[in-house]
Amino acid sequence: MTTAATSTRSELVEVAEDVYAYTQLPGGWCVSNAGLVVGPDGVVVIDTLATLNRARQLRETVDGFGAGPRRTVVNTHHHGDHTFGNQVFGPAAEIIAHERAAEELASTGLALTGLWPDVDWGDLQVPAPTLTFADRVALTVGRHRVELIHVGPAHTSNDIVAWLPEQRVLFTGDVVLSGCTPFTLMGSVAGSLTAIERLRALEPATVVCGHGAVAGPEVFAENVAYLRWIQQIAADGVAAGWSISRAARAAGPGEFGHLLDPERVVGNLHRGYAEVVGGPDAPPLDVGPVFAEMVAYNRGRLPTCLA
């Protein structure tokens, strides 16, 4: 199916029996994926997309399975492109997230909409999680076991993944991206590398990333290579006394020019510089000014958002 409002393409990909990736290609800013695990009494929905129009299309897909009425929503982290559609699944839906995601949702609200004011977000009212956890929790969906595991800080402080051990299917949220530039401004470069090694150790056969096409375990290597590249640029830049802007422009795209959203290098270097100076537990950064620097890096244009 093709969305009416944009050139993005939504696809439903069966990755195991009764387990689906709902992808929105090509990916990139705010064009995220969802996961569906179908059982006899209902469906577990992993992430709920960025706009009400897109979320409603996702809900139609979910309802089309003809499963029972129960809806359980899992938010892999607090960002709006993974949570803004929560409301379309109704007040009876259980919403599960990490305990820090609930805190971040309360503090950030609809901030994402202010970055791209021309997007038709819809009349958003994002319900808070109804169940939170600190480390891990398991769900049973028909014959499937779905393990929710906190692996942050990585992309954010509150990243969780959904792991189906019997099917060896892993939904990574934005800890791992397929065909898109990783983004660690609100998380940790070092933490992302640690998280990816934890995920690699699960030995998944199928990896459904938060953005981009369905992949296999080979997707880990490209994300790791990019993040180590960021660490090296940051270390060299701090040693040379270079500004982040200078370091980003000097580095160029490197071997990663094929990835969407290359301007994320600026945000990643802000996090990388902070970790060089303050260690992996360096405090959070102010997103607004850094986003403005990313716009400047992008020749004064807003990064492309197809939401």
Protein backbone atom coordinates (compact mmCIF):
# COMPACT_ATOMS: atom_id res chain seq x y z
CA MET A 1 0.00 0.00 0.00
CA THR A 2 1.15 3.58 -0.64
CA THR A 3 0.25 6.42 1.65
CA ALA A 4 -1.81 9.14 0.02
CA ALA A 5 -0.02 12.11 1.49
CA THR A 6 3.61 11.25 0.79
CA SER A 7 5.93 9.24 -1.38
CA THR A 8 6.62 6.77 1.40
CA ARG A 9 5.57 3.16 1.01
CA SER A 10 3.99 1.09 3.79
CA GLU A 11 4.48 -2.67 3.63
CA LEU A 12 3.31 -5.53 5.82
CA VAL A 13 6.02 -8.20 5.94
CA GLU A 14 5.40 -11.55 7.63
CA VAL A 15 8.65 -12.36 9.45
CA ALA A 16 7.35 -15.45 11.26
CA GLU A 17 3.97 -17.14 11.68
CA ASP A 18 1.59 -14.49 13.07
CA VAL A 19 4.48 -12.02 13.45
CA TYR A 20 4.72 -9.01 11.13
CA ALA A 21 6.85 -5.98 10.41
CA TYR A 22 4.84 -2.94 9.33
CA THR A 23 7.51 -0.92 7.54
CA GLN A 24 7.36 2.61 6.14
CA LEU A 25 10.00 2.96 3.48
CA PRO A 26 12.40 4.51 2.83
CA GLY A 27 12.56 5.38 6.53
CA GLY A 28 14.28 8.51 7.79
CA TRP A 29 13.02 11.22 10.09
CA CYS A 30 9.62 10.36 11.62
CA VAL A 31 8.95 7.58 9.09
CA SER A 32 9.15 4.70 11.51
CA ASN A 33 8.22 1.04 11.60
CA ALA A 34 5.87 -0.98 13.78
CA GLY A 35 5.65 -4.63 14.74
CA LEU A 36 2.59 -6.86 15.13
CA VAL A 37 2.27 -10.11 17.03
CA VAL A 38 -1.13 -11.70 16.47
CA GLY A 39 -2.80 -14.02 18.97
CA PRO A 40 -6.26 -15.53 19.33
CA ASP A 41 -7.50 -12.86 21.73
CA GLY A 42 -5.84 -9.82 20.19
CA VAL A 43 -2.69 -8.17 18.87
CA VAL A 44 0.47 -6.74 20.40
CA VAL A 45 1.46 -3.58 18.52
CA ILE A 46 5.10 -2.55 18.82
CA ASP A 47 5.23 1.24 18.28
CA THR A 48 2.44 3.33 16.80
CA LEU A 49 3.94 5.74 14.21
CA ALA A 50 4.11 9.53 14.06
CA THR A 51 0.83 10.95 12.77
CA LEU A 52 -2.81 10.15 13.37
CA ASN A 53 -3.37 9.40 9.68
CA ARG A 54 -0.55 6.88 9.62
CA ALA A 55 -1.60 5.39 12.95
CA ARG A 56 -5.15 4.91 11.69
CA GLN A 57 -3.85 3.03 8.67
CA LEU A 58 -1.85 0.85 11.05
CA ARG A 59 -4.98 0.24 13.16
CA GLU A 60 -6.92 -0.79 10.05
CA THR A 61 -4.19 -3.31 9.30
CA VAL A 62 -4.35 -4.63 12.87
CA ASP A 63 -8.13 -4.90 12.80
CA GLY A 64 -7.95 -6.69 9.46
CA PHE A 65 -6.40 -9.76 11.07
CA GLY A 66 -9.76 -10.56 12.65
CA ALA A 67 -8.07 -11.46 15.94
CA GLY A 68 -9.73 -10.85 19.29
CA PRO A 69 -10.35 -7.32 20.55
CA ARG A 70 -7.47 -7.03 23.00
CA ARG A 71 -4.83 -4.47 22.05
CA THR A 72 -1.48 -4.21 23.82
CA VAL A 73 0.81 -1.40 22.72
CA VAL A 74 4.56 -1.53 23.33
CA ASN A 75 6.54 1.72 22.97
CA THR A 76 10.21 0.99 22.38
CA HIS A 77 11.07 4.54 23.54
CA HIS A 78 9.39 7.88 24.12
CA HIS A 79 9.94 9.65 20.79
CA GLY A 80 6.79 10.86 19.08
CA ASP A 81 7.27 8.89 15.88
CA HIS A 82 6.91 5.75 18.01
CA THR A 83 4.22 6.94 20.44
CA PHE A 84 1.98 9.58 18.84
CA GLY A 85 -0.35 6.91 17.46
CA ASN A 86 -1.04 5.35 20.87
CA GLN A 87 -4.42 7.02 21.10
CA VAL A 88 -5.93 5.30 18.06
CA PHE A 89 -5.97 1.95 19.87
CA GLY A 90 -8.49 3.23 22.38
CA PRO A 91 -8.65 3.73 26.14
CA ALA A 92 -8.87 -0.01 26.80
CA ALA A 93 -5.44 -0.67 25.26
CA GLU A 94 -2.64 -1.47 27.66
CA ILE A 95 0.46 0.62 26.88
CA ILE A 96 3.79 -0.80 28.01
CA ALA A 97 7.07 1.13 28.14
CA HIS A 98 10.19 1.53 30.21
CA GLU A 99 9.71 3.55 33.38
CA ARG A 100 11.96 6.32 32.07
CA ALA A 101 9.88 6.53 28.89
CA ALA A 102 6.89 7.57 30.99
CA GLU A 103 8.98 10.34 32.55
CA GLU A 104 10.31 11.52 29.18
CA LEU A 105 6.84 11.50 27.61
CA ALA A 106 5.56 13.68 30.42
CA SER A 107 8.40 16.18 30.03
CA THR A 108 8.70 16.36 26.23
CA GLY A 109 5.03 16.13 25.27
CA LEU A 110 4.51 17.08 21.63
CA ALA A 111 7.90 18.76 21.20
CA LEU A 112 8.59 16.79 18.02
CA THR A 113 5.76 18.59 16.23
CA GLY A 114 7.55 21.91 16.71
CA LEU A 115 10.56 20.73 14.73
CA TRP A 116 8.44 20.13 11.61
CA PRO A 117 5.43 22.45 11.98
CA ASP A 118 4.19 21.84 8.43
CA VAL A 119 3.55 18.13 8.97
CA ASP A 120 -0.10 17.12 9.36
CA TRP A 121 0.34 15.48 12.75
CA GLY A 122 -3.38 15.38 13.57
CA ASP A 123 -5.07 16.27 16.84
CA LEU A 124 -2.61 14.47 19.07
CA GLN A 125 -3.33 13.45 22.64
CA VAL A 126 -0.75 10.87 23.64
CA PRO A 127 -1.89 8.61 26.49
CA ALA A 128 0.73 7.72 29.08
CA PRO A 129 1.92 4.14 29.57
CA THR A 130 -0.32 2.04 31.77
CA LEU A 131 2.43 -0.45 32.65
CA THR A 132 6.12 0.37 33.08
CA PHE A 133 9.11 -1.73 34.05
CA ALA A 134 12.78 -1.27 34.89
CA ASP A 135 14.63 -4.23 33.38
CA ARG A 136 12.52 -6.79 31.52
CA VAL A 137 9.06 -8.27 31.27
CA ALA A 138 7.60 -11.07 29.15
CA LEU A 139 4.29 -11.24 27.31
CA THR A 140 2.47 -14.33 26.06
CA VAL A 141 0.63 -13.86 22.77
CA GLY A 142 -1.02 -17.11 21.77
CA ARG A 143 1.90 -19.50 21.26
CA HIS A 144 4.44 -16.69 21.19
CA ARG A 145 6.64 -15.41 23.99
CA VAL A 146 7.63 -11.77 23.60
CA GLU A 147 10.43 -10.59 25.88
CA LEU A 148 10.71 -6.83 26.43
CA ILE A 149 14.26 -5.92 27.47
CA HIS A 150 15.65 -2.54 28.50
CA VAL A 151 18.96 -1.94 26.72
CA GLY A 152 19.42 1.82 27.17
CA PRO A 153 20.98 4.24 27.32
CA ALA A 154 21.45 3.90 23.59
CA HIS A 155 19.28 5.91 21.19
CA THR A 156 17.61 7.36 24.32
CA SER A 157 17.70 6.64 28.05
CA ASN A 158 14.68 4.36 27.84
CA ASP A 159 15.15 2.02 24.88
CA ILE A 160 13.57 -1.40 25.00
CA VAL A 161 13.59 -4.14 22.41
CA ALA A 162 11.03 -6.87 21.76
CA TRP A 163 12.58 -10.31 21.35
CA LEU A 164 10.79 -13.46 20.23
CA PRO A 165 13.30 -16.17 21.16
CA GLU A 166 11.55 -19.11 19.50
CA GLN A 167 11.16 -17.31 16.18
CA ARG A 168 14.50 -15.48 16.62
CA VAL A 169 12.85 -12.22 15.59
CA LEU A 170 14.09 -8.99 17.16
CA PHE A 171 12.32 -5.61 17.08
CA THR A 172 15.05 -3.11 17.97
CA GLY A 173 13.29 0.24 18.02
CA ASP A 174 15.82 2.93 17.15
CA VAL A 175 18.77 1.23 18.85
CA VAL A 176 19.53 -0.16 15.38
CA LEU A 177 18.52 1.43 12.07
CA SER A 178 18.44 -0.05 8.58
CA GLY A 179 19.63 2.23 5.79
CA CYS A 180 19.41 5.28 8.05
CA THR A 181 22.05 7.15 10.03
CA PRO A 182 22.07 6.15 13.72
CA PHE A 183 21.15 8.92 16.16
CA THR A 184 22.41 9.12 19.74
CA LEU A 185 21.95 12.78 20.71
CA MET A 186 19.42 11.88 23.44
CA GLY A 187 21.18 8.69 24.45
CA SER A 188 24.77 7.50 24.33
CA VAL A 189 27.27 6.55 21.66
CA ALA A 190 29.11 4.19 24.01
CA GLY A 191 25.82 2.89 25.36
CA SER A 192 24.58 2.17 21.84
CA LEU A 193 27.65 0.07 21.14
CA THR A 194 27.12 -1.87 24.36
CA ALA A 195 23.43 -2.36 23.54
CA ILE A 196 24.18 -3.63 20.04
CA GLU A 197 26.58 -6.22 21.41
CA ARG A 198 23.82 -7.42 23.76
CA LEU A 199 21.47 -7.69 20.80
CA ARG A 200 24.02 -9.47 18.65
CA ALA A 201 24.48 -12.03 21.44
CA LEU A 202 20.80 -12.99 21.13
CA GLU A 203 21.65 -14.32 17.65
CA PRO A 204 18.50 -13.10 15.89
CA ALA A 205 17.70 -14.36 12.41
CA THR A 206 15.47 -11.38 11.54
CA VAL A 207 15.97 -7.80 12.71
CA VAL A 208 13.15 -5.29 12.42
CA CYS A 209 14.68 -1.88 13.03
CA GLY A 210 12.87 1.26 14.10
CA HIS A 211 13.36 2.70 10.59
CA GLY A 212 14.17 1.15 7.25
CA ALA A 213 13.79 -2.24 5.63
CA VAL A 214 13.65 -5.57 7.44
CA ALA A 215 17.18 -6.88 7.84
CA GLY A 216 19.25 -9.72 9.18
CA PRO A 217 22.02 -9.66 11.79
CA GLU A 218 24.37 -8.05 9.27
CA VAL A 219 22.71 -4.71 10.11
CA PHE A 220 24.56 -4.65 13.42
CA ALA A 221 27.95 -4.32 11.75
CA GLU A 222 27.10 -1.15 9.85
CA ASN A 223 25.65 0.53 12.93
CA VAL A 224 28.72 -0.41 14.96
CA ALA A 225 31.08 0.86 12.26
CA TYR A 226 29.27 4.19 12.11
CA LEU A 227 29.26 4.68 15.88
CA ARG A 228 32.95 3.85 16.19
CA TRP A 229 33.61 6.35 13.40
CA ILE A 230 31.77 8.98 15.45
CA GLN A 231 33.85 8.14 18.50
CA GLN A 232 37.07 8.56 16.52
CA ILE A 233 36.01 11.90 15.01
CA ALA A 234 35.01 13.13 18.46
CA ALA A 235 38.27 12.04 20.07
CA ASP A 236 40.32 13.67 17.30
CA GLY A 237 38.20 16.82 17.35
CA VAL A 238 38.52 17.31 21.10
CA ALA A 239 42.27 16.71 20.93
CA ALA A 240 42.62 19.27 18.12
CA GLY A 241 40.39 21.84 19.81
CA TRP A 242 38.00 21.84 16.86
CA SER A 243 34.38 22.90 17.08
CA ILE A 244 31.79 20.23 16.42
CA SER A 245 30.74 21.99 13.23
CA ARG A 246 34.32 22.00 11.94
CA ALA A 247 34.82 18.34 12.84
CA ALA A 248 31.56 17.35 11.12
CA ARG A 249 32.37 19.22 7.92
CA ALA A 250 35.93 17.95 7.83
CA ALA A 251 34.77 14.36 8.22
CA GLY A 252 32.11 14.55 5.51
CA PRO A 253 29.96 11.45 5.06
CA GLY A 254 32.92 9.07 5.12
CA GLU A 255 31.89 5.60 4.01
CA PHE A 256 28.33 6.25 5.17
CA GLY A 257 27.08 8.55 2.42
CA HIS A 258 24.46 6.00 1.40
CA LEU A 259 22.62 6.31 4.72
CA LEU A 260 19.60 8.60 5.03
CA ASP A 261 19.80 11.75 7.17
CA PRO A 262 23.56 12.43 7.14
CA GLU A 263 23.04 15.68 9.09
CA ARG A 264 22.66 13.52 12.20
CA VAL A 265 26.45 13.51 12.34
CA VAL A 266 26.22 16.86 14.13
CA GLY A 267 23.94 15.54 16.88
CA ASN A 268 26.02 12.40 17.21
CA LEU A 269 29.21 14.43 17.55
CA HIS A 270 27.65 16.57 20.27
CA ARG A 271 27.05 13.36 22.19
CA GLY A 272 30.47 12.01 21.23
CA TYR A 273 32.26 15.16 22.39
CA ALA A 274 30.33 15.08 25.68
CA GLU A 275 31.43 11.49 26.26
CA VAL A 276 35.07 12.22 25.45
CA VAL A 277 35.07 15.00 28.03
CA GLY A 278 32.63 13.64 30.62
CA GLY A 279 32.62 9.89 30.05
CA PRO A 280 29.73 7.67 28.95
CA ASP A 281 27.54 9.03 31.76
CA ALA A 282 27.82 12.65 30.60
CA PRO A 283 24.59 14.58 31.31
CA PRO A 284 21.78 15.07 28.76
CA LEU A 285 22.15 17.76 26.09
CA ASP A 286 19.77 20.54 25.04
CA VAL A 287 18.16 19.24 21.85
CA GLY A 288 16.88 22.55 20.44
CA PRO A 289 20.21 24.32 19.80
CA VAL A 290 21.76 21.11 18.46
CA PHE A 291 18.88 20.64 16.02
CA ALA A 292 19.48 24.22 14.83
CA GLU A 293 23.12 23.28 14.15
CA MET A 294 21.93 20.28 12.17
CA VAL A 295 19.78 22.60 10.07
CA ALA A 296 22.80 24.83 9.49
CA TYR A 297 24.87 21.80 8.49
CA ASN A 298 22.06 20.94 6.06
CA ARG A 299 22.61 24.29 4.30
CA GLY A 300 19.87 26.00 6.25
CA ARG A 301 17.16 23.51 5.28
CA LEU A 302 15.08 21.47 7.68
CA PRO A 303 16.08 17.82 7.51
CA THR A 304 13.76 15.89 5.23
CA CYS A 305 10.75 14.57 7.12
CA LEU A 306 8.19 12.58 5.12
CA ALA A 307 5.77 12.02 8.01
